[in-house]
């Protein structure tokens, strides 16, 4: 295990996932609501770890053998994000759909929450670009130490998602107001649509 290479994987991995995207916005919202935070953070981190491992070991062969994966993931992911954005916009505009900082009656079950979390993770082509393609490509700069690089990137994912999920608790006083939740839902909708637009445009 090479510590410098592990640190390189950690910093590169963090730099790729730190931007607010569909997956991160969902983790943030779950952290603010205090609902299934551990399960959601673990699901995101384990999913990232699996994709990082896939990228480091076999990203080149995937692109060669399955050229249809890119357009299918791109348009399918865009459609899902547009739907999710509409769902968030409805929550922002209707009092009945607005989130509540306490609201146990509105809490979703663990199963539906994890299903949404995994959909936002595995149906987002940008996740594959960051983990499988980019990290897989960068790992080739460390011949013989790819495992150290992958371990660092995986560690970065675990630190980020658990930090985001549990760190969101510090923002709960801000979101004690229903108006703040509506603003968050509206911003989440904009994020979803921005990502969907980039996917459709082929960015």
C-alpha atoms as a PDB file:
ATOM      1  CA  UNK A   1       0.000   0.000   0.000  1.00  0.00           C
ATOM      2  CA  UNK A   2       1.448   3.331  -1.099  1.00  0.00           C
ATOM      3  CA  UNK A   3       0.338   6.224   1.127  1.00  0.00           C
ATOM      4  CA  UNK A   4       1.153   8.970  -1.454  1.00  0.00           C
ATOM      5  CA  UNK A   5      -0.914   7.149  -4.102  1.00  0.00           C
ATOM      6  CA  UNK A   6      -3.709   6.530  -1.593  1.00  0.00           C
ATOM      7  CA  UNK A   7      -3.721  10.257  -0.777  1.00  0.00           C
ATOM      8  CA  UNK A   8      -3.820  11.053  -4.513  1.00  0.00           C
ATOM      9  CA  UNK A   9      -6.861   8.811  -4.890  1.00  0.00           C
ATOM     10  CA  UNK A  10      -8.476  10.455  -1.861  1.00  0.00           C
ATOM     11  CA  UNK A  11      -8.029  14.004  -3.153  1.00  0.00           C
ATOM     12  CA  UNK A  12      -9.054  13.210  -6.732  1.00  0.00           C
ATOM     13  CA  UNK A  13     -12.090  11.251  -5.556  1.00  0.00           C
ATOM     14  CA  UNK A  14     -13.229  14.070  -3.282  1.00  0.00           C
ATOM     15  CA  UNK A  15     -12.738  16.686  -6.003  1.00  0.00           C
ATOM     16  CA  UNK A  16     -15.019  14.753  -8.355  1.00  0.00           C
ATOM     17  CA  UNK A  17     -17.927  14.204  -5.963  1.00  0.00           C
ATOM     18  CA  UNK A  18     -17.898  17.421  -3.931  1.00  0.00           C
ATOM     19  CA  UNK A  19     -20.105  19.343  -6.405  1.00  0.00           C
ATOM     20  CA  UNK A  20     -23.818  19.320  -5.582  1.00  0.00           C
ATOM     21  CA  UNK A  21     -25.514  16.891  -7.932  1.00  0.00           C
ATOM     22  CA  UNK A  22     -28.577  14.677  -7.897  1.00  0.00           C
ATOM     23  CA  UNK A  23     -27.111  12.132  -5.503  1.00  0.00           C
ATOM     24  CA  UNK A  24     -25.572  14.712  -3.167  1.00  0.00           C
ATOM     25  CA  UNK A  25     -28.753  16.785  -3.034  1.00  0.00           C
ATOM     26  CA  UNK A  26     -30.692  13.691  -1.962  1.00  0.00           C
ATOM     27  CA  UNK A  27     -28.164  12.867   0.775  1.00  0.00           C
ATOM     28  CA  UNK A  28     -28.309  16.467   1.983  1.00  0.00           C
ATOM     29  CA  UNK A  29     -32.097  16.405   2.186  1.00  0.00           C
ATOM     30  CA  UNK A  30     -32.124  13.097   4.065  1.00  0.00           C
ATOM     31  CA  UNK A  31     -29.536  14.480   6.465  1.00  0.00           C
ATOM     32  CA  UNK A  32     -31.607  17.593   7.082  1.00  0.00           C
ATOM     33  CA  UNK A  33     -34.688  15.494   7.771  1.00  0.00           C
ATOM     34  CA  UNK A  34     -32.758  12.951   9.826  1.00  0.00           C
ATOM     35  CA  UNK A  35     -34.341  10.060   7.918  1.00  0.00           C
ATOM     36  CA  UNK A  36     -32.416   6.839   7.225  1.00  0.00           C
ATOM     37  CA  UNK A  37     -29.174   8.845   7.131  1.00  0.00           C
ATOM     38  CA  UNK A  38     -26.802   5.943   7.822  1.00  0.00           C
ATOM     39  CA  UNK A  39     -28.449   3.650   5.261  1.00  0.00           C
ATOM     40  CA  UNK A  40     -28.472   6.350   2.569  1.00  0.00           C
ATOM     41  CA  UNK A  41     -24.850   7.353   3.174  1.00  0.00           C
ATOM     42  CA  UNK A  42     -23.758   3.713   3.198  1.00  0.00           C
ATOM     43  CA  UNK A  43     -25.654   2.939  -0.016  1.00  0.00           C
ATOM     44  CA  UNK A  44     -24.035   5.893  -1.806  1.00  0.00           C
ATOM     45  CA  UNK A  45     -20.545   5.129  -0.541  1.00  0.00           C
ATOM     46  CA  UNK A  46     -20.730   1.394  -1.324  1.00  0.00           C
ATOM     47  CA  UNK A  47     -22.133   2.139  -4.796  1.00  0.00           C
ATOM     48  CA  UNK A  48     -19.275   4.553  -5.454  1.00  0.00           C
ATOM     49  CA  UNK A  49     -16.754   1.995  -4.194  1.00  0.00           C
ATOM     50  CA  UNK A  50     -18.135  -0.651  -6.563  1.00  0.00           C
ATOM     51  CA  UNK A  51     -17.980   1.730  -9.523  1.00  0.00           C
ATOM     52  CA  UNK A  52     -14.467   2.894  -8.623  1.00  0.00           C
ATOM     53  CA  UNK A  53     -13.319  -0.717  -8.487  1.00  0.00           C
ATOM     54  CA  UNK A  54     -14.960  -1.350 -11.840  1.00  0.00           C
ATOM     55  CA  UNK A  55     -13.262   1.694 -13.350  1.00  0.00           C
ATOM     56  CA  UNK A  56      -9.802   0.868 -12.035  1.00  0.00           C
ATOM     57  CA  UNK A  57      -9.977  -2.733 -13.224  1.00  0.00           C
ATOM     58  CA  UNK A  58     -11.884  -2.690 -16.526  1.00  0.00           C
ATOM     59  CA  UNK A  59     -13.155   0.699 -17.734  1.00  0.00           C
ATOM     60  CA  UNK A  60     -11.504   0.498 -21.168  1.00  0.00           C
ATOM     61  CA  UNK A  61     -13.018  -2.875 -22.043  1.00  0.00           C
ATOM     62  CA  UNK A  62     -16.517  -1.706 -21.110  1.00  0.00           C
ATOM     63  CA  UNK A  63     -16.475   1.201 -23.572  1.00  0.00           C
ATOM     64  CA  UNK A  64     -15.191  -1.059 -26.339  1.00  0.00           C
ATOM     65  CA  UNK A  65     -17.562  -3.973 -25.796  1.00  0.00           C
ATOM     66  CA  UNK A  66     -20.738  -1.993 -24.999  1.00  0.00           C
ATOM     67  CA  UNK A  67     -20.893   1.182 -27.119  1.00  0.00           C
ATOM     68  CA  UNK A  68     -24.683   1.390 -26.629  1.00  0.00           C
ATOM     69  CA  UNK A  69     -24.357   1.943 -22.884  1.00  0.00           C
ATOM     70  CA  UNK A  70     -23.599   5.671 -23.224  1.00  0.00           C
ATOM     71  CA  UNK A  71     -26.751   6.787 -25.113  1.00  0.00           C
ATOM     72  CA  UNK A  72     -29.026   4.502 -23.089  1.00  0.00           C
ATOM     73  CA  UNK A  73     -27.702   5.816 -19.777  1.00  0.00           C
ATOM     74  CA  UNK A  74     -27.663   9.399 -21.013  1.00  0.00           C
ATOM     75  CA  UNK A  75     -31.299   9.621 -22.143  1.00  0.00           C
ATOM     76  CA  UNK A  76     -32.660   7.281 -19.496  1.00  0.00           C
ATOM     77  CA  UNK A  77     -30.892   9.239 -16.787  1.00  0.00           C
ATOM     78  CA  UNK A  78     -32.121  12.552 -18.207  1.00  0.00           C
ATOM     79  CA  UNK A  79     -35.739  11.357 -18.194  1.00  0.00           C
ATOM     80  CA  UNK A  80     -35.452  10.219 -14.590  1.00  0.00           C
ATOM     81  CA  UNK A  81     -33.883  13.527 -13.479  1.00  0.00           C
ATOM     82  CA  UNK A  82     -36.587  15.562 -15.244  1.00  0.00           C
ATOM     83  CA  UNK A  83     -39.244  13.560 -13.381  1.00  0.00           C
ATOM     84  CA  UNK A  84     -37.446  13.995 -10.067  1.00  0.00           C
ATOM     85  CA  UNK A  85     -37.104  17.735 -10.714  1.00  0.00           C
ATOM     86  CA  UNK A  86     -40.839  18.019 -11.325  1.00  0.00           C
ATOM     87  CA  UNK A  87     -41.461  16.153  -8.076  1.00  0.00           C
ATOM     88  CA  UNK A  88     -39.268  18.610  -6.173  1.00  0.00           C
ATOM     89  CA  UNK A  89     -40.872  21.605  -7.886  1.00  0.00           C
ATOM     90  CA  UNK A  90     -44.325  20.382  -6.875  1.00  0.00           C
ATOM     91  CA  UNK A  91     -43.114  20.083  -3.276  1.00  0.00           C
ATOM     92  CA  UNK A  92     -41.776  23.648  -3.462  1.00  0.00           C
ATOM     93  CA  UNK A  93     -45.012  25.114  -4.819  1.00  0.00           C
ATOM     94  CA  UNK A  94     -47.646  23.258  -2.821  1.00  0.00           C
ATOM     95  CA  UNK A  95     -48.045  23.507   0.914  1.00  0.00           C
ATOM     96  CA  UNK A  96     -49.043  19.863   1.054  1.00  0.00           C
ATOM     97  CA  UNK A  97     -45.830  18.766  -0.572  1.00  0.00           C
ATOM     98  CA  UNK A  98     -43.525  21.082   1.339  1.00  0.00           C
ATOM     99  CA  UNK A  99     -41.047  19.320   3.557  1.00  0.00           C
ATOM    100  CA  UNK A 100     -41.054  19.661   7.310  1.00  0.00           C
ATOM    101  CA  UNK A 101     -38.025  19.567   9.542  1.00  0.00           C
ATOM    102  CA  UNK A 102     -39.867  17.315  11.959  1.00  0.00           C
ATOM    103  CA  UNK A 103     -42.758  15.767  10.030  1.00  0.00           C
ATOM    104  CA  UNK A 104     -42.564  12.061  10.938  1.00  0.00           C
ATOM    105  CA  UNK A 105     -45.900  11.559   9.180  1.00  0.00           C
ATOM    106  CA  UNK A 106     -44.235  12.453   5.883  1.00  0.00           C
ATOM    107  CA  UNK A 107     -41.239  10.178   6.414  1.00  0.00           C
ATOM    108  CA  UNK A 108     -40.743   7.594   3.684  1.00  0.00           C
ATOM    109  CA  UNK A 109     -39.971   4.000   4.560  1.00  0.00           C
ATOM    110  CA  UNK A 110     -36.465   2.591   4.347  1.00  0.00           C
ATOM    111  CA  UNK A 111     -37.226   0.577   1.204  1.00  0.00           C
ATOM    112  CA  UNK A 112     -38.580   3.449  -0.932  1.00  0.00           C
ATOM    113  CA  UNK A 113     -35.847   5.754   0.362  1.00  0.00           C
ATOM    114  CA  UNK A 114     -33.076   3.347  -0.606  1.00  0.00           C
ATOM    115  CA  UNK A 115     -34.738   2.674  -3.969  1.00  0.00           C
ATOM    116  CA  UNK A 116     -34.737   6.404  -4.739  1.00  0.00           C
ATOM    117  CA  UNK A 117     -31.158   6.740  -3.510  1.00  0.00           C
ATOM    118  CA  UNK A 118     -29.929   3.876  -5.690  1.00  0.00           C
ATOM    119  CA  UNK A 119     -31.860   5.174  -8.701  1.00  0.00           C
ATOM    120  CA  UNK A 120     -30.266   8.613  -8.347  1.00  0.00           C
ATOM    121  CA  UNK A 121     -26.888   6.889  -8.116  1.00  0.00           C
ATOM    122  CA  UNK A 122     -27.020   4.185 -10.774  1.00  0.00           C
ATOM    123  CA  UNK A 123     -29.208   6.013 -13.332  1.00  0.00           C
ATOM    124  CA  UNK A 124     -26.942   9.075 -13.399  1.00  0.00           C
ATOM    125  CA  UNK A 125     -24.401   8.796 -16.255  1.00  0.00           C
ATOM    126  CA  UNK A 126     -22.218  11.453 -14.598  1.00  0.00           C
ATOM    127  CA  UNK A 127     -21.538   8.975 -11.800  1.00  0.00           C
ATOM    128  CA  UNK A 128     -20.091   6.565 -14.355  1.00  0.00           C
ATOM    129  CA  UNK A 129     -18.088   9.348 -15.982  1.00  0.00           C
ATOM    130  CA  UNK A 130     -16.538  10.360 -12.661  1.00  0.00           C
ATOM    131  CA  UNK A 131     -15.936   6.922 -11.150  1.00  0.00           C
ATOM    132  CA  UNK A 132     -15.534   4.467 -14.003  1.00  0.00           C
ATOM    133  CA  UNK A 133     -14.045   6.649 -16.743  1.00  0.00           C
ATOM    134  CA  UNK A 134     -12.139   9.476 -15.043  1.00  0.00           C
ATOM    135  CA  UNK A 135     -10.879   7.620 -11.981  1.00  0.00           C
ATOM    136  CA  UNK A 136     -10.207   4.563 -14.113  1.00  0.00           C
ATOM    137  CA  UNK A 137      -8.125   6.662 -16.493  1.00  0.00           C
ATOM    138  CA  UNK A 138      -6.222   8.463 -13.734  1.00  0.00           C
ATOM    139  CA  UNK A 139      -5.427   5.184 -11.992  1.00  0.00           C
ATOM    140  CA  UNK A 140      -3.334   4.144 -14.994  1.00  0.00           C
ATOM    141  CA  UNK A 141      -0.826   6.836 -13.981  1.00  0.00           C
ATOM    142  CA  UNK A 142       0.116   4.655 -11.002  1.00  0.00           C
ATOM    143  CA  UNK A 143       1.119   1.297 -12.521  1.00  0.00           C
ATOM    144  CA  UNK A 144       1.370  -1.331  -9.831  1.00  0.00           C
ATOM    145  CA  UNK A 145      -0.324   0.935  -7.293  1.00  0.00           C
ATOM    146  CA  UNK A 146      -3.831   1.008  -8.763  1.00  0.00           C
ATOM    147  CA  UNK A 147      -5.164  -0.696  -5.630  1.00  0.00           C
ATOM    148  CA  UNK A 148      -3.818   2.120  -3.437  1.00  0.00           C
ATOM    149  CA  UNK A 149      -5.372   4.721  -5.708  1.00  0.00           C
ATOM    150  CA  UNK A 150      -8.725   2.930  -5.670  1.00  0.00           C
ATOM    151  CA  UNK A 151      -8.609   2.584  -1.873  1.00  0.00           C
ATOM    152  CA  UNK A 152      -7.990   6.328  -1.523  1.00  0.00           C
ATOM    153  CA  UNK A 153     -10.857   7.199  -3.854  1.00  0.00           C
ATOM    154  CA  UNK A 154     -13.193   4.839  -1.991  1.00  0.00           C
ATOM    155  CA  UNK A 155     -12.151   6.377   1.340  1.00  0.00           C
ATOM    156  CA  UNK A 156     -12.942   9.796  -0.115  1.00  0.00           C
ATOM    157  CA  UNK A 157     -16.467   8.656  -1.008  1.00  0.00           C
ATOM    158  CA  UNK A 158     -17.136   7.299   2.479  1.00  0.00           C
ATOM    159  CA  UNK A 159     -15.805  10.454   4.143  1.00  0.00           C
ATOM    160  CA  UNK A 160     -17.796  12.739   1.851  1.00  0.00           C
ATOM    161  CA  UNK A 161     -21.187  11.034   2.017  1.00  0.00           C
ATOM    162  CA  UNK A 162     -21.145  10.441   5.766  1.00  0.00           C
ATOM    163  CA  UNK A 163     -19.840  13.967   6.332  1.00  0.00           C
ATOM    164  CA  UNK A 164     -22.601  15.407   4.155  1.00  0.00           C
ATOM    165  CA  UNK A 165     -25.363  13.273   5.637  1.00  0.00           C
ATOM    166  CA  UNK A 166     -24.507  13.820   9.279  1.00  0.00           C
ATOM    167  CA  UNK A 167     -23.076  17.315   8.848  1.00  0.00           C
ATOM    168  CA  UNK A 168     -26.433  18.467   7.519  1.00  0.00           C
ATOM    169  CA  UNK A 169     -27.689  18.384  11.103  1.00  0.00           C
ATOM    170  CA  UNK A 170     -25.882  21.690  11.683  1.00  0.00           C
ATOM    171  CA  UNK A 171     -28.244  23.303   9.162  1.00  0.00           C
ATOM    172  CA  UNK A 172     -31.466  22.058  10.762  1.00  0.00           C
ATOM    173  CA  UNK A 173     -32.185  25.337  12.612  1.00  0.00           C
ATOM    174  CA  UNK A 174     -32.150  27.129   9.256  1.00  0.00           C
ATOM    175  CA  UNK A 175     -34.664  24.656   7.851  1.00  0.00           C
ATOM    176  CA  UNK A 176     -37.069  24.900  10.772  1.00  0.00           C
ATOM    177  CA  UNK A 177     -39.072  27.200   8.497  1.00  0.00           C
ATOM    178  CA  UNK A 178     -41.252  25.582   5.787  1.00  0.00           C
ATOM    179  CA  UNK A 179     -40.190  28.423   3.476  1.00  0.00           C
ATOM    180  CA  UNK A 180     -36.555  27.283   3.711  1.00  0.00           C
ATOM    181  CA  UNK A 181     -37.586  23.748   2.740  1.00  0.00           C
ATOM    182  CA  UNK A 182     -39.459  25.109  -0.290  1.00  0.00           C
ATOM    183  CA  UNK A 183     -36.370  27.025  -1.392  1.00  0.00           C
ATOM    184  CA  UNK A 184     -34.275  23.862  -1.018  1.00  0.00           C
ATOM    185  CA  UNK A 185     -36.775  21.835  -3.061  1.00  0.00           C
ATOM    186  CA  UNK A 186     -36.778  24.515  -5.772  1.00  0.00           C
ATOM    187  CA  UNK A 187     -32.960  24.524  -5.906  1.00  0.00           C
ATOM    188  CA  UNK A 188     -32.929  20.726  -6.078  1.00  0.00           C
ATOM    189  CA  UNK A 189     -35.344  20.890  -9.025  1.00  0.00           C
ATOM    190  CA  UNK A 190     -33.025  23.328 -10.816  1.00  0.00           C
ATOM    191  CA  UNK A 191     -30.028  21.058 -10.178  1.00  0.00           C
ATOM    192  CA  UNK A 192     -31.875  18.025 -11.560  1.00  0.00           C
ATOM    193  CA  UNK A 193     -32.952  19.866 -14.701  1.00  0.00           C
ATOM    194  CA  UNK A 194     -29.499  21.363 -15.265  1.00  0.00           C
ATOM    195  CA  UNK A 195     -27.933  17.886 -15.129  1.00  0.00           C
ATOM    196  CA  UNK A 196     -30.662  16.495 -17.406  1.00  0.00           C
ATOM    197  CA  UNK A 197     -30.066  19.307 -19.908  1.00  0.00           C
ATOM    198  CA  UNK A 198     -26.353  18.539 -20.013  1.00  0.00           C
ATOM    199  CA  UNK A 199     -27.068  14.864 -20.556  1.00  0.00           C
ATOM    200  CA  UNK A 200     -29.454  15.548 -23.439  1.00  0.00           C
ATOM    201  CA  UNK A 201     -26.973  17.994 -24.979  1.00  0.00           C
ATOM    202  CA  UNK A 202     -24.310  15.327 -24.768  1.00  0.00           C
ATOM    203  CA  UNK A 203     -22.101  17.323 -22.403  1.00  0.00           C
END
